Amino acid sequence: MSDAKAISADLFAPIAPLNKGLGAFDRELHHNQIPRLNWNLLREDLSLPAAVLYQDKLQHNLEWMRRFIAAYGVKLAPHGKTSMAPRLFEMQLESGAWAITLATVPQVEVAYAHGVRRVLMANQLIGKQNMAAIARLLEDPAFEFFCLIDSAAQVDQLGRFFSDRKQCLRILIELGVNGGRAGIRDDAQLQSALEALARWPEAISLDGIEIYEGVLHDEASIRAFLQRAVEVTRTLADENHFHRSPIMLTGAGSAWYDVVAEVFTSANFPRPVEIVLRPGCYLTHDVGAYREAQTRILEHNPIARKMRAGLIPALHIWAYVQSIPEADKAIVTMGRRDAAFDSGLPVPALHFRPADTAPQSAPTHWEVTKLMDQHAFLRIHPDDDLRVGDMLAFDICHPCLTFDKWRTLVVVDANWQVTEIIQTYF
């Protein structure tokens, strides 16, 4: 019996959700023991602050994206760096995702260790130890892996390494834009990379084209970039550069996946093309930039309009009111260690007083004005009915930088019962 299983519920329940440190629990404990502990968020069975996922909202978002992808006839490879939670990867794959996208080799190793067998690493593979780690994973014939290249220098490094090991690495050419991050900028760079690929026909397989349109911020520029990717794919297909059939064409972060789907699926190619979208934040959504993006999608995309109800926030940070030192200020037990603040401060969503029957919507005038490491400053009205010990739930702005602050998150059902604990691996 593992140490985690030997600990009785009575001993570890008071420290649930274990203050971000529940690293010893395994999958059997997640799925079998947690519901039997009978933890309830509103009964104060959890130590706050806590990151809370809502089971019904997760399922809604999974189904919404599954239907959207199916309507366009494309594949989904959600970006796993958003959550780095293998249990959420599993949910996404069970809901029809074709692969999981990741950004670094350690992330790939985590996904592989938890059963993911198709990975798109939307990044360049650089460095001896990173190449060696991928080479070890590729010894498993069931593991399918793709990464990006954007220079002849990188191609030659990969070619030498994998040629020595008599392995073949599957790659996608990344296209970029001036002022953006990695990616081939012009025809001269593209030709140089193609010449390098021709030097390593046994060690590197050119399987498609990749872009990340999120480095651009207006729709016209994004559409032009997407069209460039279409034209490059068409040209290289005509010239028989691709080894894979169908050719992979992939793009789409969490803000413009509708435009990517529209442009890519409307293109005509001389050979079969498999289109792969990579949004990651759809699973939990947020009330910041991605809510704004979803509003645009629901207004302008014909598929989304038919589906009506869009993505909904599925992640809250719950915390206590710990002090009301001034009539118009409350201090809350949540800070920069608990919630993202790069794209906007957390937004009060729910107010619950222990012993009440159910949470109420937070007043719209409540506003987080400042975060410190462990404290939030909440602006209130002097006559608001708020007390020390009240529980507050906060919507977040940016899932990626909220997930990475937590080792564990809890999932609750419609009755606020904890059904599962989700571990992250950042």
Protein backbone atom coordinates (compact mmCIF):
# COMPACT_ATOMS: atom_id res chain seq x y z
CA MET A 1 0.00 0.00 0.00
CA SER A 2 1.35 3.43 -0.91
CA ASP A 3 1.95 6.08 1.75
CA ALA A 4 -0.85 8.17 0.24
CA LYS A 5 -3.37 5.37 0.60
CA ALA A 6 -2.23 4.61 4.14
CA ILE A 7 -3.19 8.09 5.29
CA SER A 8 -6.74 8.06 6.60
CA ALA A 9 -9.33 10.53 5.35
CA ASP A 10 -9.67 11.88 8.88
CA LEU A 11 -6.01 12.85 8.93
CA PHE A 12 -5.70 14.58 5.57
CA ALA A 13 -9.22 15.99 5.08
CA PRO A 14 -8.58 19.08 7.23
CA ILE A 15 -5.78 20.20 4.92
CA ALA A 16 -7.64 19.57 1.65
CA PRO A 17 -7.04 20.60 -1.07
CA LEU A 18 -3.68 20.25 0.55
CA ASN A 19 -2.45 23.72 -0.20
CA LYS A 20 -1.19 22.91 -3.69
CA GLY A 21 0.96 20.01 -2.47
CA LEU A 22 -0.98 16.79 -3.04
CA GLY A 23 1.78 15.26 -5.11
CA ALA A 24 1.62 11.73 -3.70
CA PHE A 25 -1.87 10.81 -4.88
CA ASP A 26 -2.10 8.37 -7.76
CA ARG A 27 -4.85 7.78 -10.30
CA GLU A 28 -6.56 5.09 -8.24
CA LEU A 29 -6.89 7.50 -5.33
CA HIS A 30 -8.22 10.23 -7.64
CA HIS A 31 -10.99 8.17 -9.10
CA ASN A 32 -11.89 5.83 -6.27
CA GLN A 33 -11.20 7.42 -2.90
CA ILE A 34 -11.89 11.12 -3.36
CA PRO A 35 -15.69 10.91 -3.80
CA ARG A 36 -15.91 8.66 -0.73
CA LEU A 37 -14.33 11.35 1.40
CA ASN A 38 -17.55 13.35 1.01
CA TRP A 39 -15.85 16.73 0.83
CA ASN A 40 -18.15 19.65 0.09
CA LEU A 41 -16.89 23.08 -0.87
CA LEU A 42 -19.72 25.01 0.77
CA ARG A 43 -19.48 22.98 3.96
CA GLU A 44 -15.93 24.32 4.35
CA ASP A 45 -14.33 20.90 3.95
CA LEU A 46 -11.57 22.47 1.87
CA SER A 47 -8.78 24.78 2.93
CA LEU A 48 -9.08 28.05 1.00
CA PRO A 49 -7.76 29.49 -1.22
CA ALA A 50 -8.52 26.66 -3.62
CA ALA A 51 -8.66 26.33 -7.38
CA VAL A 52 -12.02 24.81 -8.25
CA LEU A 53 -13.16 23.28 -11.53
CA TYR A 54 -16.84 22.72 -12.27
CA GLN A 55 -17.67 19.30 -13.66
CA ASP A 56 -20.75 20.36 -15.63
CA LYS A 57 -19.01 23.36 -17.19
CA LEU A 58 -15.98 21.32 -18.20
CA GLN A 59 -18.30 18.87 -19.94
CA HIS A 60 -20.13 21.72 -21.66
CA ASN A 61 -16.89 23.16 -23.03
CA LEU A 62 -15.59 19.76 -24.14
CA GLU A 63 -18.80 19.06 -26.02
CA TRP A 64 -18.95 22.56 -27.53
CA MET A 65 -15.48 22.27 -29.01
CA ARG A 66 -16.11 18.69 -30.17
CA ARG A 67 -19.15 19.89 -32.14
CA PHE A 68 -17.31 22.91 -33.53
CA ILE A 69 -14.39 20.82 -34.77
CA ALA A 70 -16.73 18.20 -36.24
CA ALA A 71 -18.67 20.84 -38.14
CA TYR A 72 -15.50 21.95 -39.93
CA GLY A 73 -14.19 18.42 -40.41
CA VAL A 74 -10.81 19.21 -38.84
CA LYS A 75 -8.70 17.66 -36.07
CA LEU A 76 -8.16 19.00 -32.54
CA ALA A 77 -4.81 18.93 -30.73
CA PRO A 78 -5.45 21.13 -27.67
CA HIS A 79 -2.43 22.84 -26.18
CA GLY A 80 -1.57 21.00 -22.99
CA LYS A 81 0.67 23.74 -21.59
CA THR A 82 -2.51 25.52 -20.51
CA SER A 83 -3.18 23.07 -17.70
CA MET A 84 -0.31 20.55 -17.68
CA ALA A 85 -2.88 18.25 -16.09
CA PRO A 86 -2.82 14.72 -17.53
CA ARG A 87 -6.31 13.99 -16.26
CA LEU A 88 -7.59 16.93 -18.31
CA PHE A 89 -5.60 15.64 -21.30
CA GLU A 90 -7.46 12.37 -20.84
CA MET A 91 -10.83 14.15 -20.83
CA GLN A 92 -9.90 16.00 -24.01
CA LEU A 93 -8.78 12.85 -25.78
CA GLU A 94 -11.92 11.03 -24.68
CA SER A 95 -13.93 13.90 -26.17
CA GLY A 96 -12.37 13.41 -29.58
CA ALA A 97 -9.05 15.25 -29.51
CA TRP A 98 -6.65 13.76 -32.06
CA ALA A 99 -3.48 14.65 -30.14
CA ILE A 100 -2.13 16.86 -27.38
CA THR A 101 0.01 19.87 -28.25
CA LEU A 102 2.92 20.72 -25.95
CA ALA A 103 5.73 23.27 -25.94
CA THR A 104 8.76 21.69 -24.27
CA VAL A 105 10.42 18.30 -24.02
CA PRO A 106 9.74 17.93 -20.26
CA GLN A 107 6.05 18.56 -21.02
CA VAL A 108 6.18 15.86 -23.68
CA GLU A 109 7.74 13.44 -21.19
CA VAL A 110 4.96 14.14 -18.67
CA ALA A 111 2.28 13.51 -21.29
CA TYR A 112 3.95 10.29 -22.43
CA ALA A 113 4.29 9.06 -18.85
CA HIS A 114 0.54 9.48 -18.47
CA GLY A 115 -0.42 7.60 -21.60
CA VAL A 116 -0.51 10.24 -24.35
CA ARG A 117 0.78 8.62 -27.53
CA ARG A 118 0.42 11.38 -30.12
CA VAL A 119 2.09 14.73 -29.45
CA LEU A 120 2.55 17.84 -31.53
CA MET A 121 5.36 19.87 -29.99
CA ALA A 122 4.59 23.35 -31.32
CA ASN A 123 8.16 24.45 -30.84
CA GLN A 124 11.67 23.85 -32.15
CA LEU A 125 13.54 20.83 -30.81
CA ILE A 126 16.94 22.22 -29.76
CA GLY A 127 19.79 20.80 -27.68
CA LYS A 128 21.45 17.43 -27.19
CA GLN A 129 19.57 16.34 -24.08
CA ASN A 130 16.22 17.37 -25.48
CA MET A 131 16.91 15.45 -28.69
CA ALA A 132 18.06 12.45 -26.65
CA ALA A 133 14.85 12.47 -24.61
CA ILE A 134 12.71 12.45 -27.76
CA ALA A 135 14.88 9.74 -29.28
CA ARG A 136 14.18 7.56 -26.24
CA LEU A 137 10.44 8.10 -26.56
CA LEU A 138 10.57 7.30 -30.27
CA GLU A 139 11.86 3.83 -29.41
CA ASP A 140 8.20 3.13 -28.63
CA PRO A 141 6.62 2.44 -32.05
CA ALA A 142 3.24 3.49 -30.67
CA PHE A 143 4.47 7.02 -29.98
CA GLU A 144 3.79 9.58 -32.72
CA PHE A 145 5.67 12.87 -32.41
CA PHE A 146 5.92 16.04 -34.50
CA CYS A 147 8.03 19.15 -33.87
CA LEU A 148 8.92 22.35 -35.72
CA ILE A 149 11.88 23.62 -37.72
CA ASP A 150 12.56 27.12 -39.04
CA SER A 151 16.20 27.16 -40.16
CA ALA A 152 18.80 25.17 -42.05
CA ALA A 153 21.04 25.24 -38.98
CA GLN A 154 18.41 23.51 -36.88
CA VAL A 155 17.68 20.97 -39.62
CA ASP A 156 21.34 19.99 -39.83
CA GLN A 157 21.59 19.61 -36.06
CA LEU A 158 18.53 17.35 -36.00
CA GLY A 159 19.68 15.48 -39.09
CA ARG A 160 23.08 14.60 -37.62
CA PHE A 161 21.62 13.54 -34.28
CA PHE A 162 18.81 11.31 -35.56
CA SER A 163 20.86 9.94 -38.46
CA ASP A 164 23.44 8.65 -35.98
CA ARG A 165 20.63 6.84 -34.18
CA LYS A 166 19.02 5.56 -37.36
CA GLN A 167 15.75 7.20 -36.39
CA CYS A 168 13.43 9.41 -38.41
CA LEU A 169 12.06 12.61 -36.86
CA ARG A 170 8.76 13.98 -38.17
CA ILE A 171 8.81 17.75 -38.54
CA LEU A 172 6.65 20.65 -39.65
CA ILE A 173 8.01 23.87 -41.14
CA GLU A 174 7.04 26.81 -38.96
CA LEU A 175 6.19 30.04 -40.76
CA GLY A 176 6.58 33.31 -38.88
CA VAL A 177 6.00 37.03 -39.30
CA ASN A 178 8.28 40.02 -38.90
CA GLY A 179 8.24 41.14 -35.30
CA GLY A 180 6.88 37.78 -34.17
CA ARG A 181 8.69 34.92 -32.51
CA ALA A 182 10.22 31.86 -34.24
CA GLY A 183 9.30 30.90 -37.79
CA ILE A 184 10.53 31.29 -41.36
CA ARG A 185 10.02 34.86 -42.58
CA ASP A 186 10.68 34.79 -46.33
CA ASP A 187 11.26 32.67 -49.42
CA ALA A 188 15.04 32.70 -49.05
CA GLN A 189 14.84 31.23 -45.53
CA LEU A 190 12.33 28.66 -46.73
CA GLN A 191 14.53 27.57 -49.62
CA SER A 192 17.51 27.26 -47.29
CA ALA A 193 15.53 25.03 -44.94
CA LEU A 194 14.30 22.87 -47.83
CA GLU A 195 17.86 22.40 -49.09
CA ALA A 196 18.90 21.30 -45.62
CA LEU A 197 16.00 18.85 -45.39
CA ALA A 198 17.14 17.31 -48.68
CA ARG A 199 20.47 16.49 -47.01
CA TRP A 200 18.77 14.23 -44.43
CA PRO A 201 16.09 12.22 -46.27
CA GLU A 202 16.34 9.23 -43.94
CA ALA A 203 16.54 11.14 -40.67
CA ILE A 204 13.90 13.86 -41.10
CA SER A 205 10.44 13.59 -42.58
CA LEU A 206 8.77 16.83 -43.69
CA ASP A 207 5.11 16.25 -42.80
CA GLY A 208 3.48 19.67 -42.97
CA ILE A 209 3.29 23.36 -42.21
CA GLU A 210 2.67 25.10 -38.86
CA ILE A 211 1.85 28.64 -37.85
CA TYR A 212 0.84 30.49 -34.70
CA GLU A 213 -1.38 33.40 -35.62
CA GLY A 214 -1.65 34.70 -32.04
CA VAL A 215 1.42 36.90 -32.50
CA LEU A 216 -0.83 39.11 -34.66
CA HIS A 217 -3.73 41.10 -33.27
CA ASP A 218 -6.00 42.17 -36.09
CA GLU A 219 -8.10 39.95 -38.30
CA ALA A 220 -6.83 41.31 -41.63
CA SER A 221 -3.21 40.52 -40.75
CA ILE A 222 -4.18 37.11 -39.43
CA ARG A 223 -6.08 36.24 -42.61
CA ALA A 224 -3.11 37.31 -44.72
CA PHE A 225 -0.78 35.12 -42.64
CA LEU A 226 -3.15 32.16 -42.93
CA GLN A 227 -3.33 32.64 -46.68
CA ARG A 228 0.47 32.64 -46.84
CA ALA A 229 0.46 29.28 -45.04
CA VAL A 230 -2.05 27.95 -47.56
CA GLU A 231 0.06 29.10 -50.49
CA VAL A 232 3.28 27.63 -49.07
CA THR A 233 1.51 24.33 -48.39
CA ARG A 234 0.13 24.27 -51.93
CA THR A 235 3.51 25.09 -53.50
CA LEU A 236 5.45 22.51 -51.50
CA ALA A 237 2.80 19.92 -52.24
CA ASP A 238 3.10 20.64 -55.96
CA GLU A 239 6.86 20.20 -55.67
CA ASN A 240 6.48 16.89 -53.73
CA HIS A 241 8.39 18.03 -50.65
CA PHE A 242 6.06 16.40 -48.12
CA HIS A 243 6.57 12.81 -46.97
CA ARG A 244 3.27 12.47 -45.14
CA SER A 245 -0.10 11.87 -46.65
CA PRO A 246 -2.26 13.60 -45.74
CA ILE A 247 -0.10 16.70 -45.34
CA MET A 248 -0.56 18.36 -41.97
CA LEU A 249 -1.52 22.05 -41.82
CA THR A 250 -1.86 23.35 -38.29
CA GLY A 251 -2.51 26.62 -36.50
CA ALA A 252 -4.88 28.26 -34.04
CA GLY A 253 -4.42 29.40 -30.50
CA SER A 254 -7.44 30.04 -28.29
CA ALA A 255 -8.49 33.38 -29.76
CA TRP A 256 -8.69 32.95 -33.56
CA TYR A 257 -9.38 29.25 -34.09
CA ASP A 258 -12.60 30.06 -35.96
CA VAL A 259 -10.79 32.17 -38.58
CA VAL A 260 -8.08 29.51 -38.93
CA ALA A 261 -10.72 26.83 -39.49
CA GLU A 262 -12.54 28.97 -42.03
CA VAL A 263 -9.47 29.91 -44.10
CA PHE A 264 -7.80 26.52 -44.04
CA THR A 265 -10.92 24.49 -44.85
CA SER A 266 -11.88 26.77 -47.74
CA ALA A 267 -8.51 26.30 -49.51
CA ASN A 268 -8.01 23.95 -52.45
CA PHE A 269 -4.94 21.72 -52.28
CA PRO A 270 -3.44 19.40 -54.90
CA ARG A 271 -3.05 16.64 -52.30
CA PRO A 272 -5.03 15.59 -49.21
CA VAL A 273 -4.44 17.92 -46.26
CA GLU A 274 -5.21 17.23 -42.60
CA ILE A 275 -6.04 20.44 -40.74
CA VAL A 276 -5.23 20.48 -37.01
CA LEU A 277 -6.35 23.25 -34.62
CA ARG A 278 -4.59 23.75 -31.28
CA PRO A 279 -6.64 25.90 -28.85
CA GLY A 280 -5.91 25.11 -25.21
CA CYS A 281 -7.87 27.55 -23.08
CA TYR A 282 -11.32 26.51 -24.33
CA LEU A 283 -11.58 23.83 -21.64
CA THR A 284 -11.83 26.27 -18.73
CA HIS A 285 -12.23 29.53 -20.66
CA ASP A 286 -11.95 32.85 -18.75
CA VAL A 287 -13.48 36.31 -18.38
CA GLY A 288 -10.60 38.18 -19.99
CA ALA A 289 -9.23 38.08 -23.52
CA TYR A 290 -10.75 34.71 -24.32
CA ARG A 291 -14.24 35.84 -23.36
CA GLU A 292 -13.78 38.77 -25.72
CA ALA A 293 -12.61 36.38 -28.43
CA GLN A 294 -15.58 34.08 -27.84
CA THR A 295 -17.97 37.01 -28.12
CA ARG A 296 -16.48 37.81 -31.52
CA ILE A 297 -16.73 34.17 -32.59
CA LEU A 298 -20.39 33.89 -31.56
CA GLU A 299 -21.21 37.07 -33.45
CA HIS A 300 -19.38 36.34 -36.69
CA ASN A 301 -18.78 32.63 -37.14
CA PRO A 302 -21.72 30.80 -38.80
CA ILE A 303 -21.01 27.48 -37.10
CA ALA A 304 -20.79 29.06 -33.65
CA ARG A 305 -23.99 31.03 -34.25
CA LYS A 306 -25.87 27.80 -34.98
CA MET A 307 -24.49 26.28 -31.80
CA ARG A 308 -25.70 29.31 -29.81
CA ALA A 309 -24.42 28.90 -26.24
CA GLY A 310 -20.65 29.36 -26.29
CA LEU A 311 -17.81 28.44 -23.99
CA ILE A 312 -18.29 29.22 -20.31
CA PRO A 313 -15.81 29.83 -17.46
CA ALA A 314 -15.18 26.55 -15.64
CA LEU A 315 -12.47 27.60 -13.17
CA HIS A 316 -12.80 29.71 -10.03
CA ILE A 317 -10.42 30.62 -7.26
CA TRP A 318 -12.29 30.41 -3.95
CA ALA A 319 -11.02 32.40 -0.95
CA TYR A 320 -12.14 33.87 2.37
CA VAL A 321 -12.72 37.44 3.43
CA GLN A 322 -10.07 37.74 6.10
CA SER A 323 -10.35 41.40 7.06
CA ILE A 324 -12.48 44.50 6.47
CA PRO A 325 -10.07 47.12 7.78
CA GLU A 326 -11.79 50.05 6.07
CA ALA A 327 -15.43 50.62 5.25
CA ASP A 328 -14.84 50.38 1.52
CA LYS A 329 -12.09 47.75 1.50
CA ALA A 330 -12.00 44.02 2.18
CA ILE A 331 -8.88 41.88 2.24
CA VAL A 332 -9.25 38.42 0.70
CA THR A 333 -7.06 35.33 1.15
CA MET A 334 -6.01 35.17 -2.51
CA GLY A 335 -3.03 36.74 -4.21
CA ARG A 336 -0.52 36.58 -7.02
CA ARG A 337 0.49 33.11 -5.85
CA ASP A 338 -3.04 31.91 -6.61
CA ALA A 339 -4.37 33.62 -9.74
CA ALA A 340 -3.08 35.07 -12.99
CA PHE A 341 -2.76 38.84 -13.16
CA ASP A 342 -0.96 39.36 -16.49
CA SER A 343 -4.17 39.80 -18.53
CA GLY A 344 -6.39 41.34 -15.89
CA LEU A 345 -7.10 40.92 -12.19
CA PRO A 346 -9.52 38.27 -10.90
CA VAL A 347 -13.20 39.23 -11.04
CA PRO A 348 -15.58 38.57 -8.11
CA ALA A 349 -18.21 36.07 -9.25
CA LEU A 350 -19.91 34.44 -6.23
CA HIS A 351 -20.50 35.31 -2.58
CA PHE A 352 -21.32 32.66 0.01
CA ARG A 353 -21.80 32.92 3.75
CA PRO A 354 -21.24 29.61 5.51
CA ALA A 355 -24.58 28.16 6.68
CA ASP A 356 -26.47 29.86 3.85
CA THR A 357 -28.15 27.58 1.34
CA ALA A 358 -26.35 28.61 -1.85
CA PRO A 359 -23.93 31.19 -3.22
CA GLN A 360 -25.22 34.43 -4.66
CA SER A 361 -23.83 36.42 -7.55
CA ALA A 362 -21.28 38.95 -6.36
CA PRO A 363 -22.36 42.59 -6.70
CA THR A 364 -21.10 44.09 -9.94
CA HIS A 365 -19.45 46.99 -8.13
CA TRP A 366 -17.08 44.73 -6.21
CA GLU A 367 -13.65 45.01 -7.78
CA VAL A 368 -10.20 43.61 -7.09
CA THR A 369 -7.91 46.63 -7.22
CA LYS A 370 -4.59 45.07 -6.21
CA LEU A 371 -2.95 41.72 -5.63
CA MET A 372 -0.08 41.03 -3.27
CA ASP A 373 1.55 37.63 -2.87
CA GLN A 374 -1.20 36.20 -0.64
CA HIS A 375 -3.76 39.02 -0.42
CA ALA A 376 -6.30 40.66 -2.68
CA PHE A 377 -7.66 44.18 -2.14
CA LEU A 378 -11.40 44.19 -2.82
CA ARG A 379 -13.22 47.51 -3.28
CA ILE A 380 -16.71 47.39 -1.76
CA HIS A 381 -19.41 49.85 -0.60
CA PRO A 382 -19.59 50.70 3.10
CA ASP A 383 -23.16 49.37 3.31
CA ASP A 384 -22.44 46.02 1.59
CA ASP A 385 -23.41 42.88 3.49
CA LEU A 386 -19.93 41.38 3.64
CA ARG A 387 -18.36 39.78 6.71
CA VAL A 388 -15.08 38.28 7.79
CA GLY A 389 -15.27 34.55 7.07
CA ASP A 390 -17.46 34.89 3.99
CA MET A 391 -16.39 32.84 0.97
CA LEU A 392 -15.87 34.43 -2.43
CA ALA A 393 -15.33 32.84 -5.84
CA PHE A 394 -13.33 34.70 -8.47
CA ASP A 395 -13.33 34.36 -12.23
CA ILE A 396 -9.85 34.47 -13.72
CA CYS A 397 -8.29 36.25 -16.68
CA HIS A 398 -5.89 33.80 -18.36
CA PRO A 399 -6.09 30.08 -17.52
CA CYS A 400 -2.45 29.29 -18.38
CA LEU A 401 -0.92 31.44 -15.65
CA THR A 402 -3.53 30.37 -13.12
CA PHE A 403 -3.07 26.62 -13.58
CA ASP A 404 0.68 26.88 -13.15
CA LYS A 405 0.26 28.22 -9.62
CA TRP A 406 -1.44 25.02 -8.41
CA ARG A 407 -0.18 21.49 -7.84
CA THR A 408 -3.77 20.34 -7.29
CA LEU A 409 -7.23 21.54 -8.25
CA VAL A 410 -10.54 20.12 -7.14
CA VAL A 411 -13.51 19.26 -9.34
CA VAL A 412 -16.98 19.80 -7.87
CA ASP A 413 -20.39 18.71 -9.10
CA ALA A 414 -23.66 20.66 -9.13
CA ASN A 415 -24.07 20.01 -5.39
CA TRP A 416 -20.59 21.35 -4.64
CA GLN A 417 -19.35 17.87 -3.78
CA VAL A 418 -15.71 17.17 -4.62
CA THR A 419 -15.67 14.44 -7.24
CA GLU A 420 -12.04 14.44 -8.25
CA ILE A 421 -8.64 15.98 -7.64
CA ILE A 422 -6.65 17.15 -10.66
CA GLN A 423 -2.86 17.20 -10.44
CA THR A 424 -0.65 19.47 -12.51
CA TYR A 425 2.94 18.84 -13.60
CA PHE A 426 4.64 22.18 -14.21
